[in-house]
Amino acid sequence: MTTTSQTGPERAALAFGPVEPMIPTPSPEPTDAPDRLYEIKWEGIRAISMVSGGEVRMHTRGGADITAAFPEVADALRNAVGGASAVLDGELVALSEEGIPERYAVVERWLAGADAPRRTPVNYEVFDILHLDGEPLLDRPLYERKARLHDALRPNATVHVCHFEEGEGVAMYAAARELGLHGIVAKDKHSFYEPGKRSRHWLSTKHSRSMNLVVGGYTFGGSTQPFDSLLLGVFEDGLLRFTGAAGAGTTRGDQRLLHRMLSQRHTDQCPFVREPRVSLFSHWCEPSLAVEVEYGERSPDGTLRFLVFNSLRPDINPRDCDALSLAS
């Protein structure tokens, strides 16, 4: 099948257009609810893929086209889908030598582009199907979409169908902790797919406390490192509120890459509604870059303590890092 002669169903899949993925709601404890399907929480880049007539397009939550950065995944998707046309939801995942997902490795692979001198191996874990051969599946229950996904996709070394368990959330959560994985997602097997919505039909339970925050600046004190700490916040009523500084953990990613992205966002004006008190020299940044951090505890005034940088999140709209997500 070629890209120059597409059938009606193939054109329909590509005309389906970018879909904002459905987002799980954080939940503190796992359950064994019989009406839920339990999956491993993959810490990578969420990617919606549209495959039709040999053409593949992959985009992030914010709609950024990332197809060119992962050509081997696009090739593997063509083979996995075969002659069908489909819209798939999944996660691009890079694993450490110990088999632990490392989001920063996928993000840096994306930002380096197709011409990166070294390509970190990436898999695509597919857990949902939203469109198949001209038929929209958003209003079909999850258990039916899972069955359609298994029938439609032929897994290979790069494209996998995400494993799930039924009614075994507590055991899967314990196994994930023992293996050093990040947590699990519990999904109502009768739920429809709600694009772009943070839904309680999907619940995410993680071992660590982590969240996405917006970079409003950074400090440095004359060391050999590009910076000492990131000044972070959340949006509240359209204004950026300071929530804390992350001064450790940046060795998990390429610090020079992070500094280069921040340098492109320098501004003379403090972006925070109230200027934070910092003891080191600081640069302010336009609040247009999200990062993921882990934190130890939350103080009564709403700031976060013991923050550790995890990874860049260019796939996240900074305006989605708001006071509501902080409260959750």
Protein backbone atom coordinates (compact mmCIF):
# COMPACT_ATOMS: atom_id res chain seq x y z
CA MET A 1 0.00 0.00 0.00
CA THR A 2 1.41 3.44 -0.88
CA THR A 3 0.91 6.94 0.38
CA THR A 4 -0.33 8.15 -3.01
CA SER A 5 -3.41 5.96 -3.24
CA GLN A 6 -5.28 5.93 0.06
CA THR A 7 -8.67 4.41 0.72
CA GLY A 8 -11.48 6.17 2.56
CA PRO A 9 -10.63 4.58 5.92
CA GLU A 10 -6.96 5.55 5.54
CA ARG A 11 -7.80 9.15 4.79
CA ALA A 12 -10.21 9.15 7.73
CA ALA A 13 -7.46 8.06 10.13
CA LEU A 14 -5.19 10.92 9.08
CA ALA A 15 -8.10 13.38 8.97
CA PHE A 16 -8.85 12.37 12.55
CA GLY A 17 -6.21 14.97 13.47
CA PRO A 18 -4.16 15.44 16.62
CA VAL A 19 -5.81 14.03 19.73
CA GLU A 20 -4.98 15.27 23.20
CA PRO A 21 -4.43 12.19 25.38
CA MET A 22 -6.62 11.32 28.33
CA ILE A 23 -4.77 12.02 31.61
CA PRO A 24 -5.01 9.97 34.84
CA THR A 25 -5.78 11.55 38.20
CA PRO A 26 -3.20 11.04 40.99
CA SER A 27 -4.29 8.57 43.67
CA PRO A 28 -2.38 7.91 46.93
CA GLU A 29 -3.10 4.20 47.31
CA PRO A 30 -3.57 1.23 44.94
CA THR A 31 -6.73 -0.89 45.06
CA ASP A 32 -7.93 -4.29 43.86
CA ALA A 33 -11.16 -2.98 42.33
CA PRO A 34 -12.60 -5.73 40.07
CA ASP A 35 -13.79 -3.21 37.48
CA ARG A 36 -10.30 -1.82 36.81
CA LEU A 37 -7.43 -2.84 34.55
CA TYR A 38 -3.95 -2.25 35.99
CA GLU A 39 -0.88 -1.28 33.95
CA ILE A 40 2.72 -0.32 34.76
CA LYS A 41 3.26 3.43 34.78
CA TRP A 42 5.83 4.09 32.06
CA GLU A 43 7.89 7.23 32.69
CA GLY A 44 8.57 8.41 29.14
CA ILE A 45 6.94 10.71 26.61
CA ARG A 46 3.23 10.21 25.99
CA ALA A 47 2.71 9.94 22.23
CA ILE A 48 -0.39 9.68 20.04
CA SER A 49 0.43 7.92 16.75
CA MET A 50 -1.53 8.06 13.50
CA VAL A 51 -0.63 5.33 11.00
CA SER A 52 -2.14 5.09 7.54
CA GLY A 53 -1.00 3.95 4.10
CA GLY A 54 2.66 3.86 5.11
CA GLU A 55 2.53 7.33 6.65
CA VAL A 56 3.19 7.77 10.38
CA ARG A 57 2.77 10.85 12.55
CA MET A 58 3.51 10.99 16.27
CA HIS A 59 2.71 13.94 18.52
CA THR A 60 3.01 14.82 22.21
CA ARG A 61 0.38 16.01 24.69
CA GLY A 62 0.90 19.57 23.51
CA GLY A 63 0.60 18.61 19.84
CA ALA A 64 4.34 18.80 19.01
CA ASP A 65 5.24 16.57 16.05
CA ILE A 66 8.04 14.25 17.18
CA THR A 67 8.01 11.77 14.29
CA ALA A 68 11.37 12.84 12.82
CA ALA A 69 13.18 12.36 16.14
CA PHE A 70 12.20 8.66 16.35
CA PRO A 71 12.43 7.25 12.79
CA GLU A 72 12.98 3.67 13.94
CA VAL A 73 9.75 3.81 15.97
CA ALA A 74 7.85 5.08 12.91
CA ASP A 75 9.26 2.19 10.84
CA ALA A 76 8.30 -0.32 13.54
CA LEU A 77 4.76 1.12 13.69
CA ARG A 78 4.32 0.66 9.94
CA ASN A 79 5.21 -3.01 10.34
CA ALA A 80 3.10 -3.47 13.47
CA VAL A 81 -0.06 -1.99 11.93
CA GLY A 82 0.44 -3.66 8.56
CA GLY A 83 -2.19 -2.68 6.00
CA ALA A 84 -4.57 -1.17 8.54
CA SER A 85 -5.01 2.49 9.48
CA ALA A 86 -5.05 3.31 13.17
CA VAL A 87 -4.69 6.01 15.83
CA LEU A 88 -2.82 4.68 18.87
CA ASP A 89 -2.05 5.98 22.36
CA GLY A 90 1.15 4.95 24.11
CA GLU A 91 4.43 5.96 25.70
CA LEU A 92 7.92 6.31 24.23
CA VAL A 93 10.21 4.66 26.77
CA ALA A 94 13.99 4.45 27.21
CA LEU A 95 15.31 1.91 29.70
CA SER A 96 18.45 2.03 31.82
CA GLU A 97 20.83 -0.94 31.96
CA GLU A 98 18.79 -2.10 34.97
CA GLY A 99 15.57 -1.94 32.96
CA ILE A 100 14.22 1.20 34.67
CA PRO A 101 12.42 3.79 32.49
CA GLU A 102 14.36 7.08 32.27
CA ARG A 103 12.25 9.95 30.98
CA TYR A 104 15.14 12.37 30.61
CA ALA A 105 16.81 10.00 28.12
CA VAL A 106 13.74 10.08 25.85
CA VAL A 107 13.36 13.86 26.20
CA GLU A 108 17.01 14.50 25.34
CA ARG A 109 16.76 12.11 22.38
CA TRP A 110 13.75 14.13 21.14
CA LEU A 111 15.46 17.50 21.62
CA ALA A 112 18.63 16.29 19.88
CA GLY A 113 16.57 15.45 16.79
CA ALA A 114 17.15 12.95 14.01
CA ASP A 115 20.80 14.04 13.59
CA ALA A 116 21.85 13.11 17.12
CA PRO A 117 25.31 11.47 17.07
CA ARG A 118 24.12 8.77 19.47
CA ARG A 119 20.58 7.47 19.55
CA THR A 120 19.30 6.13 22.84
CA PRO A 121 17.19 3.00 22.09
CA VAL A 122 13.48 3.74 22.54
CA ASN A 123 10.46 1.44 22.67
CA TYR A 124 6.81 2.34 22.13
CA GLU A 125 4.46 0.85 24.74
CA VAL A 126 0.95 0.97 23.23
CA PHE A 127 -1.99 0.81 25.64
CA ASP A 128 -4.98 2.15 23.69
CA ILE A 129 -6.47 2.39 20.21
CA LEU A 130 -8.69 5.36 19.33
CA HIS A 131 -9.44 4.80 15.65
CA LEU A 132 -9.25 1.73 13.39
CA ASP A 133 -9.86 1.54 9.64
CA GLY A 134 -12.18 4.53 9.55
CA GLU A 135 -14.06 3.60 12.74
CA PRO A 136 -13.77 5.95 15.77
CA LEU A 137 -13.42 4.01 19.03
CA LEU A 138 -13.47 6.82 21.59
CA ASP A 139 -17.00 5.94 22.72
CA ARG A 140 -16.27 2.23 23.09
CA PRO A 141 -15.48 0.87 26.59
CA LEU A 142 -11.84 0.32 27.43
CA TYR A 143 -12.12 -3.47 27.59
CA GLU A 144 -13.40 -3.48 24.00
CA ARG A 145 -10.65 -1.09 22.85
CA LYS A 146 -8.07 -3.38 24.44
CA ALA A 147 -9.42 -6.34 22.49
CA ARG A 148 -9.38 -4.35 19.25
CA LEU A 149 -5.82 -3.24 19.95
CA HIS A 150 -4.60 -6.83 20.43
CA ASP A 151 -6.30 -7.87 17.19
CA ALA A 152 -4.98 -4.91 15.17
CA LEU A 153 -1.35 -4.69 16.30
CA ARG A 154 1.46 -7.14 15.57
CA PRO A 155 4.11 -6.41 18.23
CA ASN A 156 7.79 -6.37 17.32
CA ALA A 157 11.11 -5.55 19.00
CA THR A 158 10.26 -1.83 19.22
CA VAL A 159 6.46 -1.65 19.39
CA HIS A 160 4.85 -3.49 22.30
CA VAL A 161 1.27 -3.93 23.49
CA CYS A 162 1.28 -2.85 27.13
CA HIS A 163 0.55 -5.70 29.54
CA PHE A 164 -2.30 -5.30 32.04
CA GLU A 165 -3.78 -7.22 34.95
CA GLU A 166 -7.41 -7.31 36.01
CA GLY A 167 -8.27 -6.73 39.67
CA GLU A 168 -4.66 -7.10 40.89
CA GLY A 169 -3.67 -3.52 41.61
CA VAL A 170 -2.08 -4.02 45.05
CA ALA A 171 0.10 -6.91 43.87
CA MET A 172 1.16 -5.05 40.71
CA TYR A 173 2.01 -1.96 42.74
CA ALA A 174 4.16 -4.03 45.12
CA ALA A 175 5.89 -5.74 42.19
CA ALA A 176 6.57 -2.38 40.54
CA ARG A 177 8.15 -1.08 43.75
CA GLU A 178 10.33 -4.19 44.10
CA LEU A 179 11.52 -3.87 40.50
CA GLY A 180 12.31 -0.17 40.89
CA LEU A 181 9.53 0.93 38.53
CA HIS A 182 7.61 4.16 39.08
CA GLY A 183 4.09 2.92 39.88
CA ILE A 184 0.87 1.80 38.21
CA VAL A 185 -2.21 3.18 36.45
CA ALA A 186 -5.68 1.81 37.27
CA LYS A 187 -8.26 2.23 34.49
CA ASP A 188 -12.01 1.68 34.65
CA LYS A 189 -12.54 -1.06 32.08
CA HIS A 190 -15.94 0.41 31.15
CA SER A 191 -14.61 3.93 30.60
CA PHE A 192 -14.76 5.82 27.32
CA TYR A 193 -11.75 7.76 26.05
CA GLU A 194 -11.94 11.45 27.04
CA PRO A 195 -9.37 13.41 24.96
CA GLY A 196 -7.47 16.07 26.88
CA LYS A 197 -9.35 15.45 30.12
CA ARG A 198 -7.84 14.58 33.51
CA SER A 199 -10.28 11.87 34.47
CA ARG A 200 -10.94 9.88 37.63
CA HIS A 201 -11.75 6.90 35.42
CA TRP A 202 -7.95 6.53 35.23
CA LEU A 203 -5.96 6.67 38.51
CA SER A 204 -2.18 6.96 38.76
CA THR A 205 -0.37 5.75 41.89
CA LYS A 206 3.36 6.42 42.14
CA HIS A 207 6.00 5.44 44.69
CA SER A 208 7.67 8.85 44.71
CA ARG A 209 6.15 12.29 45.14
CA SER A 210 6.63 14.04 41.82
CA MET A 211 4.96 16.76 39.83
CA ASN A 212 5.48 19.16 36.95
CA LEU A 213 6.51 22.75 37.74
CA VAL A 214 7.42 25.84 35.71
CA VAL A 215 10.94 27.29 35.65
CA GLY A 216 10.89 31.01 36.46
CA GLY A 217 14.64 31.43 36.88
CA TYR A 218 17.84 29.90 38.19
CA THR A 219 20.71 30.77 40.52
CA PHE A 220 24.42 30.29 40.29
CA GLY A 221 27.30 31.05 42.63
CA GLY A 222 30.44 30.93 40.53
CA SER A 223 30.92 27.15 40.49
CA THR A 224 31.96 25.18 37.42
CA GLN A 225 28.33 24.11 36.90
CA PRO A 226 26.04 26.16 34.62
CA PHE A 227 23.70 26.84 37.55
CA ASP A 228 23.09 25.93 41.20
CA SER A 229 19.32 25.66 41.48
CA LEU A 230 16.12 26.05 39.50
CA LEU A 231 13.48 28.50 40.79
CA LEU A 232 10.10 26.85 40.26
CA GLY A 233 6.42 27.69 40.48
CA VAL A 234 2.84 26.97 39.50
CA PHE A 235 0.21 29.14 37.88
CA GLU A 236 -2.62 30.40 40.06
CA ASP A 237 -5.29 32.70 38.55
CA GLY A 238 -2.92 33.32 35.65
CA LEU A 239 -0.01 34.37 37.90
CA LEU A 240 3.14 32.36 38.62
CA ARG A 241 3.52 31.52 42.32
CA PHE A 242 6.90 30.41 43.66
CA THR A 243 6.83 26.88 45.10
CA GLY A 244 10.50 26.10 45.75
CA ALA A 245 14.00 25.60 44.36
CA ALA A 246 15.45 22.36 42.98
CA GLY A 247 19.17 22.32 43.62
CA ALA A 248 20.06 18.67 43.21
CA GLY A 249 19.60 15.79 40.83
CA THR A 250 20.46 17.61 37.61
CA THR A 251 23.10 14.98 36.90
CA ARG A 252 20.15 12.82 35.76
CA GLY A 253 20.09 14.80 32.56
CA ASP A 254 22.31 16.91 30.36
CA GLN A 255 22.82 20.06 32.47
CA ARG A 256 24.29 21.94 29.50
CA LEU A 257 21.16 21.23 27.46
CA LEU A 258 18.94 22.47 30.28
CA HIS A 259 21.04 25.61 30.70
CA ARG A 260 20.94 26.27 26.95
CA MET A 261 17.14 26.11 26.97
CA LEU A 262 16.95 28.41 29.98
CA SER A 263 19.38 30.90 28.43
CA GLN A 264 16.99 31.31 25.51
CA ARG A 265 14.31 32.42 27.98
CA HIS A 266 16.16 35.16 29.92
CA THR A 267 14.09 38.16 30.91
CA ASP A 268 14.75 41.27 33.00
CA GLN A 269 11.45 40.93 34.85
CA CYS A 270 10.81 38.50 37.69
CA PRO A 271 7.98 36.22 36.47
CA PHE A 272 6.80 35.32 39.99
CA VAL A 273 3.93 37.29 41.50
CA ARG A 274 6.13 37.62 44.60
CA GLU A 275 9.89 37.65 44.10
CA PRO A 276 11.50 34.74 45.97
CA ARG A 277 14.34 35.47 48.38
CA VAL A 278 17.51 33.86 47.09
CA SER A 279 21.04 34.24 48.47
CA LEU A 280 22.84 33.66 45.14
CA PHE A 281 22.90 35.65 41.91
CA SER A 282 19.91 34.76 39.75
CA HIS A 283 18.64 34.99 36.21
CA TRP A 284 14.90 35.31 35.60
CA CYS A 285 13.31 33.31 32.78
CA GLU A 286 10.09 33.57 30.85
CA PRO A 287 7.79 30.93 32.40
CA SER A 288 7.55 28.80 29.26
CA LEU A 289 9.38 25.60 30.24
CA ALA A 290 8.05 22.80 32.46
CA VAL A 291 10.19 20.31 34.34
CA GLU A 292 9.40 17.27 36.48
CA VAL A 293 10.69 17.21 40.04
CA GLU A 294 10.46 14.94 43.06
CA TYR A 295 9.81 16.53 46.44
CA GLY A 296 10.08 15.45 50.04
CA GLU A 297 7.27 17.35 51.73
CA ARG A 298 4.88 20.27 51.40
CA SER A 299 5.03 23.13 53.92
CA PRO A 300 1.90 24.86 55.32
CA ASP A 301 2.40 27.88 53.03
CA GLY A 302 2.23 25.63 49.95
CA THR A 303 5.92 25.56 49.06
CA LEU A 304 7.66 22.26 48.36
CA ARG A 305 10.78 21.14 50.20
CA PHE A 306 13.69 18.90 49.21
CA LEU A 307 13.06 19.23 45.50
CA VAL A 308 15.10 17.10 43.08
CA PHE A 309 15.11 17.66 39.33
CA ASN A 310 14.00 14.64 37.28
CA SER A 311 13.70 15.75 33.66
CA LEU A 312 12.70 18.41 31.19
CA ARG A 313 9.04 18.31 30.15
CA PRO A 314 8.84 20.15 26.80
CA ASP A 315 5.81 17.99 26.05
CA ILE A 316 3.83 19.69 28.84
CA ASN A 317 2.06 23.03 28.49
CA PRO A 318 3.42 25.16 31.39
CA ARG A 319 -0.10 26.56 31.94
CA ASP A 320 -1.15 23.04 32.93
CA CYS A 321 1.22 23.31 35.93
CA ASP A 322 -1.34 25.06 38.09
CA ALA A 323 -2.52 25.28 41.66
CA LEU A 324 -5.12 22.58 41.01
CA SER A 325 -2.43 20.06 40.05
CA LEU A 326 -0.44 21.10 43.14
CA ALA A 327 -3.46 20.44 45.34
CA SER A 328 -3.96 17.00 43.81
